[in-house]
Amino acid sequence: MRNTGIILTLGGIFIMATGYITTIIWSENSSLEGWDAFRTLIPAELGFLVGIPSAIVGTSEWIIGGKRKSKAEIALKKFDIKPENSMAFGMGVTLRF
């Protein structure tokens, strides 16, 4: 869950940056003027339309995944109690004497 959040967040940021850079390159090499020049903004618009929601969802999954992981670790810590006068030989096998 946590890795998915990281991938979505970084992927969204990468998509936004790619759209912005593509728009800059396209607008510098374009001879369009007036209202036609707005066509050069299409990559940035698409990048932001896809990248911002992806980054928001990824960030929230990243935060939620971190909290769930810490809750799971706390729950597993409860089982670390060793009874007195016992030896554990493996998972689920305990000899008491």
Protein backbone atom coordinates (compact mmCIF):
# COMPACT_ATOMS: atom_id res chain seq x y z
CA MET A 1 0.00 0.00 0.00
CA ARG A 2 2.77 2.38 0.88
CA ASN A 3 4.81 1.68 -2.28
CA THR A 4 1.75 2.36 -4.42
CA GLY A 5 1.42 5.79 -2.83
CA ILE A 6 5.04 6.62 -3.52
CA ILE A 7 4.73 5.49 -7.14
CA LEU A 8 1.54 7.50 -7.70
CA THR A 9 2.95 10.62 -6.08
CA LEU A 10 6.24 10.57 -7.96
CA GLY A 11 4.49 9.53 -11.18
CA GLY A 12 2.07 12.44 -10.90
CA ILE A 13 4.91 14.89 -10.33
CA PHE A 14 6.81 13.42 -13.29
CA ILE A 15 3.74 13.70 -15.57
CA MET A 16 3.21 17.35 -14.55
CA ALA A 17 6.87 18.21 -15.15
CA THR A 18 6.89 16.43 -18.51
CA GLY A 19 3.79 18.32 -19.68
CA TYR A 20 5.24 21.64 -18.55
CA ILE A 21 8.61 21.06 -20.21
CA THR A 22 6.94 19.86 -23.42
CA THR A 23 4.80 23.01 -23.49
CA ILE A 24 7.85 25.25 -23.07
CA ILE A 25 9.72 23.50 -25.88
CA TRP A 26 6.68 23.50 -28.16
CA SER A 27 5.86 27.17 -27.57
CA GLU A 28 9.44 28.28 -28.25
CA ASN A 29 9.56 26.38 -31.55
CA SER A 30 6.08 27.43 -32.65
CA SER A 31 5.21 30.35 -34.89
CA LEU A 32 1.58 30.46 -33.75
CA GLU A 33 0.21 33.81 -32.64
CA GLY A 34 -2.98 35.07 -31.06
CA TRP A 35 -5.60 32.55 -29.98
CA ASP A 36 -3.87 29.76 -31.91
CA ALA A 37 -0.94 29.98 -29.50
CA PHE A 38 -3.12 28.36 -26.83
CA ARG A 39 -2.68 25.04 -28.66
CA THR A 40 0.85 24.95 -27.27
CA LEU A 41 -0.63 24.66 -23.76
CA ILE A 42 -2.25 21.28 -24.46
CA PRO A 43 0.63 19.16 -23.04
CA ALA A 44 0.72 21.20 -19.83
CA GLU A 45 -3.07 21.01 -19.45
CA LEU A 46 -3.07 17.24 -19.92
CA GLY A 47 -0.09 16.87 -17.59
CA PHE A 48 -1.76 18.84 -14.84
CA LEU A 49 -5.16 17.18 -15.37
CA VAL A 50 -3.58 13.76 -14.89
CA GLY A 51 -0.68 14.60 -12.59
CA ILE A 52 -2.42 16.60 -9.86
CA PRO A 53 -5.11 13.98 -9.05
CA SER A 54 -2.49 11.23 -9.21
CA ALA A 55 -0.20 13.08 -6.80
CA ILE A 56 -3.09 13.82 -4.41
CA VAL A 57 -4.28 10.20 -4.36
CA GLY A 58 -0.71 8.94 -4.03
CA THR A 59 0.07 11.25 -1.14
CA SER A 60 -3.05 10.22 0.76
CA GLU A 61 -2.31 6.52 0.17
CA TRP A 62 1.25 7.09 1.31
CA ILE A 63 0.08 8.68 4.57
CA ILE A 64 -2.64 6.09 5.21
CA GLY A 65 -0.26 3.23 4.41
CA GLY A 66 2.31 4.56 6.88
CA LYS A 67 -0.27 4.78 9.65
CA ARG A 68 -1.57 1.27 8.95
CA LYS A 69 1.96 -0.12 8.96
CA SER A 70 2.71 1.43 12.34
CA LYS A 71 -0.59 0.10 13.75
CA ALA A 72 0.26 -3.38 12.47
CA GLU A 73 3.72 -3.21 14.05
CA ILE A 74 2.19 -2.16 17.37
CA ALA A 75 -0.28 -5.06 17.16
CA LEU A 76 2.55 -7.52 16.44
CA LYS A 77 4.57 -6.20 19.38
CA LYS A 78 1.88 -7.55 21.71
CA PHE A 79 2.90 -11.10 20.75
CA ASP A 80 6.59 -10.63 21.63
CA ILE A 81 5.97 -11.54 25.29
CA LYS A 82 7.92 -14.66 26.23
CA PRO A 83 6.52 -16.76 29.04
CA GLU A 84 8.88 -17.61 31.88
CA ASN A 85 10.73 -20.96 31.81
CA SER A 86 10.18 -21.62 28.11
CA MET A 87 12.21 -22.05 24.94
CA ALA A 88 10.95 -21.30 21.44
CA PHE A 89 12.37 -23.63 18.75
CA GLY A 90 10.56 -22.15 15.81
CA MET A 91 7.37 -20.59 14.74
CA GLY A 92 4.58 -21.84 16.97
CA VAL A 93 6.67 -24.42 18.83
CA THR A 94 7.34 -23.62 22.47
CA LEU A 95 8.64 -26.00 25.14
CA ARG A 96 7.68 -25.17 28.69
CA PHE A 97 9.42 -26.73 31.66
